[in-house]
N, C-alpha and C. Protein backbone atom coordinates (compact mmCIF):
# COMPACT_ATOMS: atom_id res chain seq x y z
N MET A 1 6.52 -13.38 -13.93
CA MET A 1 5.98 -12.21 -13.29
C MET A 1 5.23 -11.36 -14.34
N ARG A 2 4.10 -10.83 -13.95
CA ARG A 2 3.32 -9.99 -14.86
C ARG A 2 3.99 -8.62 -15.02
N ASN A 3 3.55 -7.89 -16.01
CA ASN A 3 4.14 -6.57 -16.18
C ASN A 3 3.41 -5.51 -15.37
N TYR A 4 3.98 -4.32 -15.35
CA TYR A 4 3.46 -3.20 -14.58
C TYR A 4 1.99 -2.91 -14.91
N ARG A 5 1.66 -2.86 -16.18
CA ARG A 5 0.30 -2.52 -16.58
C ARG A 5 -0.72 -3.56 -16.11
N GLN A 6 -0.36 -4.82 -16.15
CA GLN A 6 -1.27 -5.86 -15.69
C GLN A 6 -1.54 -5.72 -14.20
N ALA A 7 -0.48 -5.51 -13.43
CA ALA A 7 -0.63 -5.38 -11.98
C ALA A 7 -1.46 -4.15 -11.63
N GLN A 8 -1.21 -3.03 -12.31
CA GLN A 8 -1.97 -1.81 -12.06
C GLN A 8 -3.43 -1.99 -12.46
N ALA A 9 -3.69 -2.64 -13.58
CA ALA A 9 -5.06 -2.85 -14.04
C ALA A 9 -5.84 -3.70 -13.04
N GLU A 10 -5.22 -4.74 -12.52
CA GLU A 10 -5.89 -5.60 -11.54
C GLU A 10 -6.19 -4.84 -10.25
N LEU A 11 -5.23 -4.01 -9.81
CA LEU A 11 -5.45 -3.23 -8.60
C LEU A 11 -6.57 -2.21 -8.82
N LEU A 12 -6.57 -1.53 -9.94
CA LEU A 12 -7.63 -0.55 -10.22
C LEU A 12 -9.00 -1.22 -10.32
N HIS A 13 -9.04 -2.41 -10.92
CA HIS A 13 -10.30 -3.15 -11.00
C HIS A 13 -10.79 -3.51 -9.59
N ALA A 14 -9.90 -3.94 -8.72
CA ALA A 14 -10.28 -4.30 -7.36
C ALA A 14 -10.79 -3.06 -6.61
N ILE A 15 -10.14 -1.92 -6.80
CA ILE A 15 -10.59 -0.68 -6.16
C ILE A 15 -11.97 -0.29 -6.67
N GLU A 16 -12.17 -0.37 -7.96
CA GLU A 16 -13.47 -0.05 -8.56
C GLU A 16 -14.57 -0.95 -8.00
N LYS A 17 -14.25 -2.21 -7.87
CA LYS A 17 -15.23 -3.19 -7.37
C LYS A 17 -15.65 -2.85 -5.94
N GLU A 18 -14.68 -2.47 -5.12
CA GLU A 18 -14.98 -2.14 -3.71
C GLU A 18 -15.58 -0.74 -3.57
N GLN A 19 -15.32 0.12 -4.51
CA GLN A 19 -15.79 1.50 -4.59
C GLN A 19 -15.05 2.44 -3.64
N VAL A 20 -14.86 2.09 -2.39
CA VAL A 20 -14.15 2.96 -1.46
C VAL A 20 -13.17 2.12 -0.64
N VAL A 21 -11.91 2.53 -0.66
CA VAL A 21 -10.91 1.90 0.19
C VAL A 21 -10.17 3.01 0.93
N ALA A 22 -9.61 2.68 2.07
CA ALA A 22 -9.02 3.68 2.97
C ALA A 22 -7.94 4.53 2.31
N CYS A 23 -7.15 3.93 1.44
CA CYS A 23 -6.06 4.69 0.83
C CYS A 23 -6.58 5.82 -0.06
N GLN A 24 -7.80 5.69 -0.55
CA GLN A 24 -8.41 6.77 -1.33
C GLN A 24 -8.90 7.89 -0.43
N GLU A 25 -9.35 7.53 0.75
CA GLU A 25 -9.91 8.50 1.67
C GLU A 25 -8.84 9.24 2.47
N LEU A 26 -7.73 8.57 2.76
CA LEU A 26 -6.65 9.14 3.59
C LEU A 26 -5.29 8.92 2.94
N PRO A 27 -5.07 9.41 1.73
CA PRO A 27 -3.83 9.08 1.03
C PRO A 27 -2.55 9.50 1.75
N ASP A 28 -2.58 10.61 2.47
CA ASP A 28 -1.37 11.08 3.15
C ASP A 28 -0.85 10.08 4.19
N VAL A 29 -1.77 9.37 4.82
CA VAL A 29 -1.39 8.40 5.84
C VAL A 29 -0.57 7.26 5.22
N PHE A 30 -0.84 6.94 3.98
CA PHE A 30 -0.18 5.82 3.33
C PHE A 30 1.18 6.17 2.73
N PHE A 31 1.56 7.43 2.88
CA PHE A 31 2.88 7.88 2.42
C PHE A 31 3.56 8.64 3.56
N PRO A 32 3.88 7.92 4.64
CA PRO A 32 4.43 8.57 5.83
C PRO A 32 5.80 9.22 5.60
N GLU A 33 6.47 8.84 4.53
CA GLU A 33 7.77 9.45 4.24
C GLU A 33 7.64 10.96 4.05
N ASP A 34 6.45 11.41 3.69
CA ASP A 34 6.22 12.84 3.45
C ASP A 34 6.06 13.65 4.73
N TRP A 35 5.86 13.00 5.84
CA TRP A 35 5.64 13.71 7.11
C TRP A 35 7.00 14.16 7.66
N PRO A 36 7.14 15.43 8.05
CA PRO A 36 8.43 15.96 8.49
C PRO A 36 8.87 15.47 9.87
N ASP A 37 7.94 15.12 10.71
CA ASP A 37 8.24 14.74 12.09
C ASP A 37 8.32 13.22 12.23
N ALA A 38 9.37 12.72 12.85
CA ALA A 38 9.58 11.27 12.99
C ALA A 38 8.44 10.59 13.74
N GLN A 39 7.93 11.23 14.79
CA GLN A 39 6.83 10.63 15.55
C GLN A 39 5.57 10.54 14.69
N MET A 40 5.32 11.56 13.89
CA MET A 40 4.15 11.55 13.02
C MET A 40 4.31 10.49 11.92
N ARG A 41 5.53 10.31 11.42
CA ARG A 41 5.76 9.26 10.41
C ARG A 41 5.47 7.89 11.01
N LYS A 42 5.93 7.68 12.23
CA LYS A 42 5.69 6.40 12.90
C LYS A 42 4.20 6.18 13.12
N ARG A 43 3.51 7.20 13.58
CA ARG A 43 2.07 7.08 13.84
C ARG A 43 1.29 6.86 12.53
N ALA A 44 1.66 7.59 11.48
CA ALA A 44 1.00 7.42 10.19
C ALA A 44 1.19 5.99 9.68
N THR A 45 2.39 5.46 9.85
CA THR A 45 2.67 4.08 9.43
C THR A 45 1.79 3.10 10.18
N GLU A 46 1.65 3.29 11.48
CA GLU A 46 0.80 2.41 12.29
C GLU A 46 -0.66 2.49 11.84
N VAL A 47 -1.14 3.70 11.62
CA VAL A 47 -2.53 3.88 11.19
C VAL A 47 -2.75 3.22 9.82
N ALA A 48 -1.84 3.45 8.89
CA ALA A 48 -1.97 2.86 7.56
C ALA A 48 -1.99 1.33 7.63
N LYS A 49 -1.09 0.77 8.41
CA LYS A 49 -1.05 -0.69 8.54
C LYS A 49 -2.34 -1.24 9.14
N ASN A 50 -2.88 -0.54 10.13
CA ASN A 50 -4.15 -0.97 10.73
C ASN A 50 -5.29 -0.91 9.73
N LEU A 51 -5.31 0.14 8.92
CA LEU A 51 -6.34 0.25 7.88
C LEU A 51 -6.18 -0.86 6.84
N CYS A 52 -4.95 -1.16 6.48
CA CYS A 52 -4.70 -2.24 5.52
C CYS A 52 -5.19 -3.59 6.04
N ASP A 53 -5.05 -3.80 7.33
CA ASP A 53 -5.45 -5.08 7.92
C ASP A 53 -6.93 -5.39 7.69
N THR A 54 -7.75 -4.36 7.53
CA THR A 54 -9.18 -4.57 7.32
C THR A 54 -9.60 -4.34 5.87
N CYS A 55 -8.65 -4.06 5.01
CA CYS A 55 -8.97 -3.74 3.62
C CYS A 55 -9.25 -5.01 2.81
N PRO A 56 -10.33 -5.02 2.05
CA PRO A 56 -10.67 -6.20 1.26
C PRO A 56 -9.76 -6.44 0.06
N ILE A 57 -8.96 -5.46 -0.32
CA ILE A 57 -8.06 -5.64 -1.47
C ILE A 57 -6.59 -5.62 -1.05
N LYS A 58 -6.33 -5.94 0.20
CA LYS A 58 -4.97 -5.92 0.72
C LYS A 58 -4.02 -6.77 -0.14
N PHE A 59 -4.46 -7.97 -0.49
CA PHE A 59 -3.61 -8.87 -1.26
C PHE A 59 -3.29 -8.30 -2.64
N GLN A 60 -4.30 -7.78 -3.34
CA GLN A 60 -4.07 -7.21 -4.67
C GLN A 60 -3.14 -6.01 -4.60
N CYS A 61 -3.30 -5.22 -3.56
CA CYS A 61 -2.46 -4.04 -3.36
C CYS A 61 -1.00 -4.45 -3.16
N LEU A 62 -0.78 -5.42 -2.30
CA LEU A 62 0.58 -5.89 -2.05
C LEU A 62 1.19 -6.49 -3.31
N GLN A 63 0.40 -7.29 -4.03
CA GLN A 63 0.90 -7.88 -5.28
C GLN A 63 1.34 -6.80 -6.27
N ALA A 64 0.52 -5.77 -6.42
CA ALA A 64 0.85 -4.68 -7.35
C ALA A 64 2.13 -3.99 -6.90
N ALA A 65 2.27 -3.73 -5.61
CA ALA A 65 3.47 -3.06 -5.10
C ALA A 65 4.72 -3.90 -5.33
N LEU A 66 4.61 -5.20 -5.11
CA LEU A 66 5.76 -6.09 -5.31
C LEU A 66 6.13 -6.17 -6.79
N GLU A 67 5.14 -6.32 -7.64
CA GLU A 67 5.42 -6.45 -9.07
C GLU A 67 5.91 -5.14 -9.68
N ASN A 68 5.48 -4.03 -9.11
CA ASN A 68 5.90 -2.72 -9.63
C ASN A 68 7.12 -2.18 -8.91
N GLN A 69 7.60 -2.94 -7.93
CA GLN A 69 8.77 -2.55 -7.14
C GLN A 69 8.61 -1.15 -6.55
N GLU A 70 7.43 -0.94 -5.94
CA GLU A 70 7.15 0.35 -5.30
C GLU A 70 8.14 0.57 -4.17
N GLY A 71 8.82 1.67 -4.21
CA GLY A 71 9.82 1.97 -3.19
C GLY A 71 9.38 3.02 -2.20
N TYR A 72 8.08 3.30 -2.17
CA TYR A 72 7.57 4.42 -1.41
C TYR A 72 6.16 4.11 -0.94
N GLY A 73 5.84 4.43 0.29
CA GLY A 73 4.49 4.28 0.79
C GLY A 73 4.18 2.91 1.39
N ILE A 74 3.02 2.84 2.03
CA ILE A 74 2.51 1.60 2.62
C ILE A 74 1.58 0.97 1.59
N TRP A 75 1.89 -0.23 1.20
CA TRP A 75 1.09 -0.98 0.21
C TRP A 75 0.82 -2.36 0.79
N GLY A 76 -0.44 -2.75 0.84
CA GLY A 76 -0.78 -4.07 1.35
C GLY A 76 -0.33 -4.29 2.79
N GLY A 77 -0.21 -3.20 3.53
CA GLY A 77 0.16 -3.30 4.94
C GLY A 77 1.65 -3.37 5.20
N LEU A 78 2.48 -3.21 4.17
CA LEU A 78 3.93 -3.30 4.35
C LEU A 78 4.65 -2.04 3.92
N THR A 79 5.71 -1.72 4.63
CA THR A 79 6.58 -0.60 4.28
C THR A 79 7.50 -1.04 3.13
N PRO A 80 8.19 -0.09 2.50
CA PRO A 80 9.13 -0.49 1.44
C PRO A 80 10.18 -1.49 1.94
N LYS A 81 10.68 -1.28 3.13
CA LYS A 81 11.69 -2.20 3.68
C LYS A 81 11.09 -3.60 3.89
N GLU A 82 9.87 -3.66 4.42
CA GLU A 82 9.22 -4.96 4.64
C GLU A 82 8.91 -5.64 3.32
N ARG A 83 8.51 -4.87 2.32
CA ARG A 83 8.25 -5.47 1.00
C ARG A 83 9.54 -6.02 0.39
N GLY A 84 10.65 -5.38 0.67
CA GLY A 84 11.94 -5.85 0.16
C GLY A 84 12.34 -7.19 0.75
N ASN A 85 11.76 -7.52 1.91
CA ASN A 85 12.09 -8.80 2.57
C ASN A 85 11.13 -9.93 2.19
N VAL A 86 10.07 -9.62 1.46
CA VAL A 86 9.09 -10.63 1.06
C VAL A 86 9.74 -11.61 0.09
N GLY A 87 9.58 -12.88 0.38
CA GLY A 87 10.11 -13.92 -0.51
C GLY A 87 11.56 -14.27 -0.26
N ARG A 88 12.16 -13.65 0.72
CA ARG A 88 13.56 -13.99 1.03
C ARG A 88 13.65 -15.08 2.03
């Protein structure tokens, strides 16, 4: 497994290459844990996942989250719980 810096560098390079990705434009949506209302958290999660589905760097994002053990936010279209189940 690569280290944290390698995974972050690859993700940042992919973002730079694409120039604009949804998580840069709507960061709050990708961190639904911050929303106080349960319905809004659920809706934000759905919106983030839909945006991830069309993102050209979805795979790099998910790889970085898995390698960095991100415990917060939507990364590569998966919640922290879903990322915890990857590879099991």
